[in-house]
Amino acid sequence: MLYAETLLRHTNQNISELAYEVGYESLGFFYRKFKEYSGYTPSQYRECQGRTGEV
């Protein structure tokens, strides 16, 4: 998940492509696992990073 966080913060890569790159074939499963890990969906995490620089 650390790699996924890095990609979300530092790239504009599509979230489905990002999920596949970090090893998830199911986008829905990636969303669930990322939210369990961070408390945010990947898109919420990216949006918060863009506004505040921190989550």
PDB file of N, CA and C in Angstrom:
ATOM      1  N   MET A   1       0.809  -1.199   0.000  1.00  0.00           N
ATOM      2  CA  MET A   1       0.000   0.000   0.000  1.00  0.00           C
ATOM      3  C   MET A   1       0.857   1.271   0.000  1.00  0.00           C
ATOM      4  N   LEU A   2       2.055   1.167   0.530  1.00  0.00           N
ATOM      5  CA  LEU A   2       2.926   2.342   0.516  1.00  0.00           C
ATOM      6  C   LEU A   2       3.236   2.777  -0.914  1.00  0.00           C
ATOM      7  N   TYR A   3       3.444   1.790  -1.797  1.00  0.00           N
ATOM      8  CA  TYR A   3       3.712   2.118  -3.197  1.00  0.00           C
ATOM      9  C   TYR A   3       2.472   2.752  -3.831  1.00  0.00           C
ATOM     10  N   ALA A   4       1.300   2.239  -3.509  1.00  0.00           N
ATOM     11  CA  ALA A   4       0.058   2.819  -4.028  1.00  0.00           C
ATOM     12  C   ALA A   4      -0.088   4.263  -3.546  1.00  0.00           C
ATOM     13  N   GLU A   5       0.204   4.519  -2.274  1.00  0.00           N
ATOM     14  CA  GLU A   5       0.153   5.890  -1.759  1.00  0.00           C
ATOM     15  C   GLU A   5       1.106   6.805  -2.532  1.00  0.00           C
ATOM     16  N   THR A   6       2.299   6.313  -2.774  1.00  0.00           N
ATOM     17  CA  THR A   6       3.293   7.106  -3.506  1.00  0.00           C
ATOM     18  C   THR A   6       2.798   7.437  -4.904  1.00  0.00           C
ATOM     19  N   LEU A   7       2.245   6.445  -5.581  1.00  0.00           N
ATOM     20  CA  LEU A   7       1.732   6.683  -6.931  1.00  0.00           C
ATOM     21  C   LEU A   7       0.559   7.668  -6.914  1.00  0.00           C
ATOM     22  N   LEU A   8      -0.306   7.545  -5.931  1.00  0.00           N
ATOM     23  CA  LEU A   8      -1.435   8.470  -5.835  1.00  0.00           C
ATOM     24  C   LEU A   8      -0.962   9.901  -5.584  1.00  0.00           C
ATOM     25  N   ARG A   9       0.078  10.055  -4.781  1.00  0.00           N
ATOM     26  CA  ARG A   9       0.586  11.394  -4.466  1.00  0.00           C
ATOM     27  C   ARG A   9       1.367  12.019  -5.605  1.00  0.00           C
ATOM     28  N   HIS A  10       2.122  11.214  -6.336  1.00  0.00           N
ATOM     29  CA  HIS A  10       3.100  11.775  -7.251  1.00  0.00           C
ATOM     30  C   HIS A  10       2.833  11.549  -8.739  1.00  0.00           C
ATOM     31  N   THR A  11       1.728  10.890  -9.079  1.00  0.00           N
ATOM     32  CA  THR A  11       1.406  10.694 -10.494  1.00  0.00           C
ATOM     33  C   THR A  11      -0.056  11.046 -10.737  1.00  0.00           C
ATOM     34  N   ASN A  12      -0.396  11.194 -11.998  1.00  0.00           N
ATOM     35  CA  ASN A  12      -1.798  11.366 -12.392  1.00  0.00           C
ATOM     36  C   ASN A  12      -2.337  10.089 -13.008  1.00  0.00           C
ATOM     37  N   GLN A  13      -1.658   8.984 -12.721  1.00  0.00           N
ATOM     38  CA  GLN A  13      -2.026   7.691 -13.289  1.00  0.00           C
ATOM     39  C   GLN A  13      -3.466   7.338 -12.914  1.00  0.00           C
ATOM     40  N   ASN A  14      -4.190   6.787 -13.870  1.00  0.00           N
ATOM     41  CA  ASN A  14      -5.548   6.313 -13.657  1.00  0.00           C
ATOM     42  C   ASN A  14      -5.544   5.307 -12.503  1.00  0.00           C
ATOM     43  N   ILE A  15      -6.544   5.375 -11.627  1.00  0.00           N
ATOM     44  CA  ILE A  15      -6.558   4.510 -10.444  1.00  0.00           C
ATOM     45  C   ILE A  15      -6.658   3.036 -10.821  1.00  0.00           C
ATOM     46  N   SER A  16      -7.370   2.696 -11.871  1.00  0.00           N
ATOM     47  CA  SER A  16      -7.440   1.287 -12.271  1.00  0.00           C
ATOM     48  C   SER A  16      -6.081   0.789 -12.756  1.00  0.00           C
ATOM     49  N   GLU A  17      -5.346   1.614 -13.475  1.00  0.00           N
ATOM     50  CA  GLU A  17      -3.993   1.244 -13.914  1.00  0.00           C
ATOM     51  C   GLU A  17      -3.062   1.133 -12.716  1.00  0.00           C
ATOM     52  N   LEU A  18      -3.193   2.058 -11.783  1.00  0.00           N
ATOM     53  CA  LEU A  18      -2.384   2.057 -10.580  1.00  0.00           C
ATOM     54  C   LEU A  18      -2.636   0.777  -9.772  1.00  0.00           C
ATOM     55  N   ALA A  19      -3.899   0.400  -9.616  1.00  0.00           N
ATOM     56  CA  ALA A  19      -4.245  -0.816  -8.870  1.00  0.00           C
ATOM     57  C   ALA A  19      -3.589  -2.031  -9.512  1.00  0.00           C
ATOM     58  N   TYR A  20      -3.653  -2.111 -10.822  1.00  0.00           N
ATOM     59  CA  TYR A  20      -3.042  -3.229 -11.526  1.00  0.00           C
ATOM     60  C   TYR A  20      -1.523  -3.220 -11.345  1.00  0.00           C
ATOM     61  N   GLU A  21      -0.921  -2.043 -11.396  1.00  0.00           N
ATOM     62  CA  GLU A  21       0.530  -1.926 -11.239  1.00  0.00           C
ATOM     63  C   GLU A  21       1.005  -2.410  -9.875  1.00  0.00           C
ATOM     64  N   VAL A  22       0.204  -2.165  -8.837  1.00  0.00           N
ATOM     65  CA  VAL A  22       0.617  -2.601  -7.503  1.00  0.00           C
ATOM     66  C   VAL A  22       0.154  -4.023  -7.181  1.00  0.00           C
ATOM     67  N   GLY A  23      -0.480  -4.693  -8.169  1.00  0.00           N
ATOM     68  CA  GLY A  23      -0.767  -6.116  -8.015  1.00  0.00           C
ATOM     69  C   GLY A  23      -2.205  -6.523  -7.805  1.00  0.00           C
ATOM     70  N   TYR A  24      -3.145  -5.617  -7.964  1.00  0.00           N
ATOM     71  CA  TYR A  24      -4.558  -5.955  -7.803  1.00  0.00           C
ATOM     72  C   TYR A  24      -5.220  -6.080  -9.165  1.00  0.00           C
ATOM     73  N   GLU A  25      -5.861  -7.209  -9.397  1.00  0.00           N
ATOM     74  CA  GLU A  25      -6.583  -7.393 -10.659  1.00  0.00           C
ATOM     75  C   GLU A  25      -8.007  -6.858 -10.568  1.00  0.00           C
ATOM     76  N   SER A  26      -8.534  -6.787  -9.349  1.00  0.00           N
ATOM     77  CA  SER A  26      -9.895  -6.296  -9.132  1.00  0.00           C
ATOM     78  C   SER A  26      -9.841  -4.881  -8.563  1.00  0.00           C
ATOM     79  N   LEU A  27     -10.399  -3.928  -9.297  1.00  0.00           N
ATOM     80  CA  LEU A  27     -10.417  -2.540  -8.844  1.00  0.00           C
ATOM     81  C   LEU A  27     -11.222  -2.395  -7.553  1.00  0.00           C
ATOM     82  N   GLY A  28     -12.349  -3.088  -7.476  1.00  0.00           N
ATOM     83  CA  GLY A  28     -13.178  -3.022  -6.273  1.00  0.00           C
ATOM     84  C   GLY A  28     -12.451  -3.524  -5.040  1.00  0.00           C
ATOM     85  N   PHE A  29     -11.689  -4.598  -5.193  1.00  0.00           N
ATOM     86  CA  PHE A  29     -10.923  -5.146  -4.075  1.00  0.00           C
ATOM     87  C   PHE A  29      -9.828  -4.176  -3.659  1.00  0.00           C
ATOM     88  N   PHE A  30      -9.177  -3.554  -4.640  1.00  0.00           N
ATOM     89  CA  PHE A  30      -8.158  -2.555  -4.330  1.00  0.00           C
ATOM     90  C   PHE A  30      -8.769  -1.398  -3.544  1.00  0.00           C
ATOM     91  N   TYR A  31      -9.916  -0.898  -3.989  1.00  0.00           N
ATOM     92  CA  TYR A  31     -10.587   0.199  -3.274  1.00  0.00           C
ATOM     93  C   TYR A  31     -10.870  -0.192  -1.823  1.00  0.00           C
ATOM     94  N   ARG A  32     -11.409  -1.415  -1.621  1.00  0.00           N
ATOM     95  CA  ARG A  32     -11.728  -1.861  -0.263  1.00  0.00           C
ATOM     96  C   ARG A  32     -10.482  -1.952   0.602  1.00  0.00           C
ATOM     97  N   LYS A  33      -9.428  -2.571   0.074  1.00  0.00           N
ATOM     98  CA  LYS A  33      -8.205  -2.744   0.845  1.00  0.00           C
ATOM     99  C   LYS A  33      -7.521  -1.411   1.123  1.00  0.00           C
ATOM    100  N   PHE A  34      -7.533  -0.514   0.146  1.00  0.00           N
ATOM    101  CA  PHE A  34      -6.913   0.792   0.358  1.00  0.00           C
ATOM    102  C   PHE A  34      -7.673   1.561   1.434  1.00  0.00           C
ATOM    103  N   LYS A  35      -9.007   1.489   1.416  1.00  0.00           N
ATOM    104  CA  LYS A  35      -9.800   2.195   2.420  1.00  0.00           C
ATOM    105  C   LYS A  35      -9.575   1.597   3.811  1.00  0.00           C
ATOM    106  N   GLU A  36      -9.462   0.270   3.899  1.00  0.00           N
ATOM    107  CA  GLU A  36      -9.154  -0.359   5.186  1.00  0.00           C
ATOM    108  C   GLU A  36      -7.802   0.127   5.704  1.00  0.00           C
ATOM    109  N   TYR A  37      -6.855   0.269   4.804  1.00  0.00           N
ATOM    110  CA  TYR A  37      -5.493   0.670   5.168  1.00  0.00           C
ATOM    111  C   TYR A  37      -5.406   2.139   5.564  1.00  0.00           C
ATOM    112  N   SER A  38      -6.020   3.008   4.765  1.00  0.00           N
ATOM    113  CA  SER A  38      -5.804   4.451   4.949  1.00  0.00           C
ATOM    114  C   SER A  38      -6.992   5.202   5.547  1.00  0.00           C
ATOM    115  N   GLY A  39      -8.172   4.601   5.473  1.00  0.00           N
ATOM    116  CA  GLY A  39      -9.370   5.309   5.914  1.00  0.00           C
ATOM    117  C   GLY A  39     -10.012   6.130   4.806  1.00  0.00           C
ATOM    118  N   TYR A  40      -9.402   6.136   3.624  1.00  0.00           N
ATOM    119  CA  TYR A  40      -9.884   6.894   2.474  1.00  0.00           C
ATOM    120  C   TYR A  40      -9.943   5.986   1.252  1.00  0.00           C
ATOM    121  N   THR A  41     -10.842   6.284   0.328  1.00  0.00           N
ATOM    122  CA  THR A  41     -10.765   5.621  -0.962  1.00  0.00           C
ATOM    123  C   THR A  41      -9.565   6.210  -1.700  1.00  0.00           C
ATOM    124  N   PRO A  42      -9.046   5.520  -2.725  1.00  0.00           N
ATOM    125  CA  PRO A  42      -7.918   6.073  -3.461  1.00  0.00           C
ATOM    126  C   PRO A  42      -8.198   7.467  -4.027  1.00  0.00           C
ATOM    127  N   SER A  43      -9.391   7.702  -4.541  1.00  0.00           N
ATOM    128  CA  SER A  43      -9.691   9.025  -5.101  1.00  0.00           C
ATOM    129  C   SER A  43      -9.797  10.083  -4.004  1.00  0.00           C
ATOM    130  N   GLN A  44     -10.363   9.733  -2.850  1.00  0.00           N
ATOM    131  CA  GLN A  44     -10.403  10.678  -1.726  1.00  0.00           C
ATOM    132  C   GLN A  44      -8.989  11.001  -1.249  1.00  0.00           C
ATOM    133  N   TYR A  45      -8.150   9.974  -1.183  1.00  0.00           N
ATOM    134  CA  TYR A  45      -6.765  10.167  -0.745  1.00  0.00           C
ATOM    135  C   TYR A  45      -6.042  11.121  -1.679  1.00  0.00           C
ATOM    136  N   ARG A  46      -6.189  10.899  -2.975  1.00  0.00           N
ATOM    137  CA  ARG A  46      -5.526  11.764  -3.958  1.00  0.00           C
ATOM    138  C   ARG A  46      -6.055  13.192  -3.859  1.00  0.00           C
ATOM    139  N   GLU A  47      -7.359  13.347  -3.685  1.00  0.00           N
ATOM    140  CA  GLU A  47      -7.953  14.682  -3.571  1.00  0.00           C
ATOM    141  C   GLU A  47      -7.444  15.411  -2.332  1.00  0.00           C
ATOM    142  N   CYS A  48      -7.375  14.717  -1.206  1.00  0.00           N
ATOM    143  CA  CYS A  48      -6.869  15.329   0.029  1.00  0.00           C
ATOM    144  C   CYS A  48      -5.410  15.704  -0.117  1.00  0.00           C
ATOM    145  N   GLN A  49      -4.635  14.865  -0.765  1.00  0.00           N
ATOM    146  CA  GLN A  49      -3.207  15.167  -0.979  1.00  0.00           C
ATOM    147  C   GLN A  49      -3.050  16.427  -1.796  1.00  0.00           C
ATOM    148  N   GLY A  50      -3.899  16.595  -2.793  1.00  0.00           N
ATOM    149  CA  GLY A  50      -3.800  17.762  -3.659  1.00  0.00           C
ATOM    150  C   GLY A  50      -4.125  19.054  -2.930  1.00  0.00           C
ATOM    151  N   ARG A  51      -5.006  18.982  -1.958  1.00  0.00           N
ATOM    152  CA  ARG A  51      -5.424  20.184  -1.241  1.00  0.00           C
ATOM    153  C   ARG A  51      -4.508  20.519  -0.067  1.00  0.00           C
ATOM    154  N   THR A  52      -4.084  19.497   0.683  1.00  0.00           N
ATOM    155  CA  THR A  52      -3.382  19.792   1.932  1.00  0.00           C
ATOM    156  C   THR A  52      -1.946  19.304   1.959  1.00  0.00           C
ATOM    157  N   GLY A  53      -1.608  18.357   1.095  1.00  0.00           N
ATOM    158  CA  GLY A  53      -0.277  17.764   1.157  1.00  0.00           C
ATOM    159  C   GLY A  53      -0.138  16.700   2.222  1.00  0.00           C
ATOM    160  N   GLU A  54      -1.190  16.504   3.019  1.00  0.00           N
ATOM    161  CA  GLU A  54      -1.167  15.490   4.061  1.00  0.00           C
ATOM    162  C   GLU A  54      -2.529  14.845   4.170  1.00  0.00           C
ATOM    163  N   VAL A  55      -2.519  13.612   4.655  1.00  0.00           N
ATOM    164  CA  VAL A  55      -3.767  12.936   4.999  1.00  0.00           C
ATOM    165  C   VAL A  55      -3.673  12.573   6.445  1.00  0.00           C
TER     166      VAL A  55
END
